[in-house]
Amino acid sequence: MLKIIKKKIIITYELQSKISWACSFCNIKPEIIEGNLRIVEKTNLAYVEPHRVIIKGKLYLFFNDIDYFYIGDLLHKYPLTKLRDYIVDN
């Protein structure tokens, strides 16, 4: 039987402040759900779950130390510098 080990990944202060800064222009408080590292025991398989942020009912995905974010799924990446524009437009 496979055993999956789940370890919480703490969101970096830098990323959290960028998200809060972008949301402050719209007077929105984001709901941040920190990501996890999932490891399949006795294998070399691991999966990093992104940090999930819900802003105005939409799901945004972030990874620590990455200058991109995703909306809804991991198919299309957007530059973190444009986060405020995407929040205002949606």
N, C-alpha and C. Protein backbone atom coordinates (compact mmCIF):
# COMPACT_ATOMS: atom_id res chain seq x y z
N MET A 1 0.84 -1.18 0.00
CA MET A 1 0.00 0.00 0.00
C MET A 1 0.88 1.25 0.00
N LEU A 2 0.51 2.21 -0.80
CA LEU A 2 1.27 3.46 -0.88
C LEU A 2 0.89 4.38 0.27
N LYS A 3 1.91 4.97 0.83
CA LYS A 3 1.68 5.95 1.89
C LYS A 3 2.15 7.31 1.37
N ILE A 4 1.29 8.30 1.44
CA ILE A 4 1.62 9.64 0.98
C ILE A 4 1.85 10.54 2.19
N ILE A 5 3.01 11.14 2.23
CA ILE A 5 3.37 12.05 3.31
C ILE A 5 3.08 13.47 2.84
N LYS A 6 2.41 14.22 3.67
CA LYS A 6 1.99 15.59 3.33
C LYS A 6 2.69 16.57 4.28
N LYS A 7 3.46 17.51 3.69
CA LYS A 7 4.15 18.51 4.49
C LYS A 7 3.73 19.89 4.02
N LYS A 8 3.37 20.74 4.94
CA LYS A 8 2.91 22.10 4.61
C LYS A 8 4.09 22.95 4.17
N ILE A 9 3.87 23.74 3.12
CA ILE A 9 4.87 24.70 2.63
C ILE A 9 4.41 26.08 3.07
N ILE A 10 5.26 26.78 3.78
CA ILE A 10 4.93 28.11 4.28
C ILE A 10 5.14 29.12 3.14
N ILE A 11 4.15 29.97 2.93
CA ILE A 11 4.25 31.00 1.91
C ILE A 11 5.29 32.03 2.35
N THR A 12 6.14 32.45 1.44
CA THR A 12 7.18 33.41 1.80
C THR A 12 6.57 34.78 2.08
N TYR A 13 7.25 35.52 2.92
CA TYR A 13 6.78 36.86 3.27
C TYR A 13 6.73 37.74 2.02
N GLU A 14 7.72 37.59 1.15
CA GLU A 14 7.79 38.40 -0.07
C GLU A 14 6.57 38.16 -0.97
N LEU A 15 6.22 36.90 -1.17
CA LEU A 15 5.06 36.57 -2.01
C LEU A 15 3.76 37.05 -1.37
N GLN A 16 3.64 36.84 -0.07
CA GLN A 16 2.43 37.26 0.63
C GLN A 16 2.27 38.77 0.57
N SER A 17 3.36 39.51 0.68
CA SER A 17 3.25 40.97 0.63
C SER A 17 2.90 41.45 -0.78
N LYS A 18 3.38 40.76 -1.82
CA LYS A 18 3.02 41.13 -3.20
C LYS A 18 1.52 40.90 -3.45
N ILE A 19 1.00 39.81 -2.93
CA ILE A 19 -0.43 39.52 -3.10
C ILE A 19 -1.25 40.56 -2.34
N SER A 20 -0.87 40.84 -1.10
CA SER A 20 -1.60 41.82 -0.29
C SER A 20 -1.54 43.21 -0.92
N TRP A 21 -0.39 43.57 -1.47
CA TRP A 21 -0.23 44.88 -2.10
C TRP A 21 -1.17 45.01 -3.30
N ALA A 22 -1.23 43.96 -4.14
CA ALA A 22 -2.10 44.00 -5.33
C ALA A 22 -3.57 44.08 -4.92
N CYS A 23 -3.95 43.38 -3.86
CA CYS A 23 -5.34 43.38 -3.41
C CYS A 23 -5.72 44.68 -2.70
N SER A 24 -4.74 45.37 -2.13
CA SER A 24 -5.05 46.60 -1.38
C SER A 24 -5.60 47.70 -2.29
N PHE A 25 -5.26 47.68 -3.57
CA PHE A 25 -5.78 48.69 -4.49
C PHE A 25 -7.28 48.53 -4.72
N CYS A 26 -7.78 47.31 -4.56
CA CYS A 26 -9.21 47.04 -4.79
C CYS A 26 -9.97 46.90 -3.47
N ASN A 27 -9.30 47.15 -2.34
CA ASN A 27 -9.89 46.97 -1.02
C ASN A 27 -10.45 45.57 -0.84
N ILE A 28 -9.67 44.57 -1.22
CA ILE A 28 -10.07 43.16 -1.14
C ILE A 28 -9.12 42.45 -0.18
N LYS A 29 -9.67 41.57 0.64
CA LYS A 29 -8.85 40.74 1.50
C LYS A 29 -8.79 39.35 0.87
N PRO A 30 -7.59 38.91 0.44
CA PRO A 30 -7.50 37.60 -0.19
C PRO A 30 -7.56 36.47 0.84
N GLU A 31 -8.11 35.34 0.42
CA GLU A 31 -8.11 34.14 1.25
C GLU A 31 -6.96 33.26 0.78
N ILE A 32 -5.93 33.11 1.63
CA ILE A 32 -4.73 32.38 1.26
C ILE A 32 -4.73 31.01 1.90
N ILE A 33 -4.56 29.97 1.07
CA ILE A 33 -4.45 28.59 1.52
C ILE A 33 -3.06 28.11 1.13
N GLU A 34 -2.23 27.83 2.12
CA GLU A 34 -0.85 27.47 1.84
C GLU A 34 -0.76 26.09 1.17
N GLY A 35 0.25 25.95 0.32
CA GLY A 35 0.45 24.72 -0.43
C GLY A 35 1.06 23.61 0.41
N ASN A 36 1.21 22.45 -0.22
CA ASN A 36 1.77 21.28 0.45
C ASN A 36 2.79 20.59 -0.45
N LEU A 37 3.66 19.85 0.18
CA LEU A 37 4.54 18.95 -0.53
C LEU A 37 4.04 17.55 -0.25
N ARG A 38 3.72 16.82 -1.30
CA ARG A 38 3.23 15.45 -1.14
C ARG A 38 4.30 14.50 -1.65
N ILE A 39 4.72 13.59 -0.79
CA ILE A 39 5.79 12.65 -1.10
C ILE A 39 5.22 11.24 -0.99
N VAL A 40 5.45 10.42 -2.03
CA VAL A 40 5.06 9.02 -1.97
C VAL A 40 6.21 8.28 -1.31
N GLU A 41 5.93 7.71 -0.14
CA GLU A 41 6.96 7.06 0.66
C GLU A 41 7.60 5.89 -0.09
N LYS A 42 8.90 5.75 0.09
CA LYS A 42 9.72 4.68 -0.50
C LYS A 42 9.83 4.80 -2.02
N THR A 43 9.60 6.00 -2.55
CA THR A 43 9.81 6.28 -3.98
C THR A 43 10.50 7.63 -4.09
N ASN A 44 10.81 8.01 -5.30
CA ASN A 44 11.38 9.35 -5.50
C ASN A 44 10.34 10.29 -6.10
N LEU A 45 9.07 9.98 -5.92
CA LEU A 45 7.98 10.80 -6.46
C LEU A 45 7.55 11.84 -5.43
N ALA A 46 7.41 13.07 -5.91
CA ALA A 46 6.95 14.16 -5.05
C ALA A 46 6.15 15.14 -5.90
N TYR A 47 5.21 15.81 -5.28
CA TYR A 47 4.39 16.81 -5.97
C TYR A 47 4.28 18.04 -5.08
N VAL A 48 4.53 19.19 -5.66
CA VAL A 48 4.39 20.45 -4.93
C VAL A 48 3.05 21.07 -5.29
N GLU A 49 2.17 21.17 -4.30
CA GLU A 49 0.89 21.83 -4.52
C GLU A 49 1.12 23.34 -4.40
N PRO A 50 0.57 24.12 -5.30
CA PRO A 50 0.77 25.57 -5.21
C PRO A 50 -0.04 26.17 -4.06
N HIS A 51 0.35 27.38 -3.69
CA HIS A 51 -0.45 28.15 -2.74
C HIS A 51 -1.69 28.60 -3.49
N ARG A 52 -2.85 28.42 -2.87
CA ARG A 52 -4.11 28.82 -3.50
C ARG A 52 -4.59 30.10 -2.84
N VAL A 53 -4.94 31.06 -3.69
CA VAL A 53 -5.45 32.34 -3.20
C VAL A 53 -6.77 32.60 -3.90
N ILE A 54 -7.80 32.85 -3.12
CA ILE A 54 -9.11 33.14 -3.67
C ILE A 54 -9.34 34.65 -3.55
N ILE A 55 -9.50 35.27 -4.72
CA ILE A 55 -9.70 36.72 -4.80
C ILE A 55 -10.95 36.96 -5.63
N LYS A 56 -11.94 37.58 -5.03
CA LYS A 56 -13.21 37.89 -5.71
C LYS A 56 -13.82 36.63 -6.34
N GLY A 57 -13.72 35.49 -5.65
CA GLY A 57 -14.33 34.26 -6.12
C GLY A 57 -13.53 33.49 -7.16
N LYS A 58 -12.37 34.01 -7.57
CA LYS A 58 -11.53 33.32 -8.55
C LYS A 58 -10.33 32.70 -7.87
N LEU A 59 -9.89 31.56 -8.40
CA LEU A 59 -8.75 30.84 -7.85
C LEU A 59 -7.47 31.26 -8.56
N TYR A 60 -6.49 31.72 -7.78
CA TYR A 60 -5.17 32.08 -8.28
C TYR A 60 -4.16 31.13 -7.63
N LEU A 61 -3.19 30.66 -8.41
CA LEU A 61 -2.19 29.71 -7.92
C LEU A 61 -0.81 30.35 -7.95
N PHE A 62 -0.06 30.18 -6.86
CA PHE A 62 1.26 30.78 -6.72
C PHE A 62 2.25 29.74 -6.19
N PHE A 63 3.51 29.89 -6.58
CA PHE A 63 4.61 29.10 -6.04
C PHE A 63 5.61 30.07 -5.43
N ASN A 64 6.28 29.65 -4.36
CA ASN A 64 7.32 30.48 -3.75
C ASN A 64 8.46 30.68 -4.75
N ASP A 65 9.02 31.88 -4.75
CA ASP A 65 10.21 32.22 -5.54
C ASP A 65 10.01 32.09 -7.05
N ILE A 66 8.78 32.14 -7.53
CA ILE A 66 8.49 32.11 -8.96
C ILE A 66 7.81 33.43 -9.32
N ASP A 67 8.22 34.04 -10.42
CA ASP A 67 7.69 35.35 -10.81
C ASP A 67 6.45 35.26 -11.69
N TYR A 68 5.73 34.17 -11.61
CA TYR A 68 4.51 33.98 -12.38
C TYR A 68 3.41 33.47 -11.47
N PHE A 69 2.17 33.65 -11.89
CA PHE A 69 1.03 33.07 -11.19
C PHE A 69 0.10 32.47 -12.24
N TYR A 70 -0.84 31.69 -11.78
CA TYR A 70 -1.77 30.98 -12.65
C TYR A 70 -3.19 31.30 -12.19
N ILE A 71 -4.12 31.28 -13.12
CA ILE A 71 -5.52 31.51 -12.79
C ILE A 71 -6.31 30.25 -13.11
N GLY A 72 -6.91 29.63 -12.08
CA GLY A 72 -7.77 28.47 -12.26
C GLY A 72 -7.05 27.15 -12.41
N ASP A 73 -6.04 27.07 -13.28
CA ASP A 73 -5.28 25.83 -13.49
C ASP A 73 -3.85 26.20 -13.89
N LEU A 74 -3.04 25.20 -14.15
CA LEU A 74 -1.63 25.44 -14.44
C LEU A 74 -1.34 25.51 -15.94
N LEU A 75 -2.35 25.78 -16.76
CA LEU A 75 -2.15 25.80 -18.20
C LEU A 75 -1.48 27.08 -18.70
N HIS A 76 -1.86 28.23 -18.15
CA HIS A 76 -1.34 29.50 -18.63
C HIS A 76 -0.74 30.27 -17.47
N LYS A 77 0.48 30.77 -17.67
CA LYS A 77 1.12 31.55 -16.61
C LYS A 77 1.11 33.03 -16.98
N TYR A 78 1.01 33.85 -15.96
CA TYR A 78 0.95 35.29 -16.11
C TYR A 78 2.03 35.92 -15.22
N PRO A 79 2.64 37.01 -15.64
CA PRO A 79 3.68 37.64 -14.82
C PRO A 79 3.10 38.21 -13.52
N LEU A 80 3.82 38.03 -12.45
CA LEU A 80 3.38 38.49 -11.13
C LEU A 80 3.22 40.01 -11.10
N THR A 81 3.95 40.70 -11.94
CA THR A 81 3.84 42.16 -11.97
C THR A 81 2.49 42.62 -12.51
N LYS A 82 1.74 41.76 -13.16
CA LYS A 82 0.43 42.11 -13.73
C LYS A 82 -0.73 41.63 -12.86
N LEU A 83 -0.44 41.14 -11.66
CA LEU A 83 -1.49 40.60 -10.78
C LEU A 83 -2.58 41.64 -10.51
N ARG A 84 -2.19 42.85 -10.22
CA ARG A 84 -3.18 43.90 -9.92
C ARG A 84 -4.11 44.12 -11.10
N ASP A 85 -3.59 44.09 -12.32
CA ASP A 85 -4.41 44.28 -13.50
C ASP A 85 -5.45 43.17 -13.66
N TYR A 86 -5.05 41.94 -13.37
CA TYR A 86 -5.98 40.82 -13.49
C TYR A 86 -7.05 40.85 -12.41
N ILE A 87 -6.69 41.34 -11.22
CA ILE A 87 -7.69 41.45 -10.15
C ILE A 87 -8.71 42.53 -10.50
N VAL A 88 -8.26 43.66 -11.03
CA VAL A 88 -9.16 44.77 -11.38
C VAL A 88 -10.09 44.36 -12.52
N ASP A 89 -9.54 43.67 -13.53
CA ASP A 89 -10.33 43.30 -14.71
C ASP A 89 -11.37 42.22 -14.41
N ASN A 90 -11.13 41.39 -13.43
CA ASN A 90 -12.06 40.27 -13.17
C ASN A 90 -13.00 40.61 -12.08
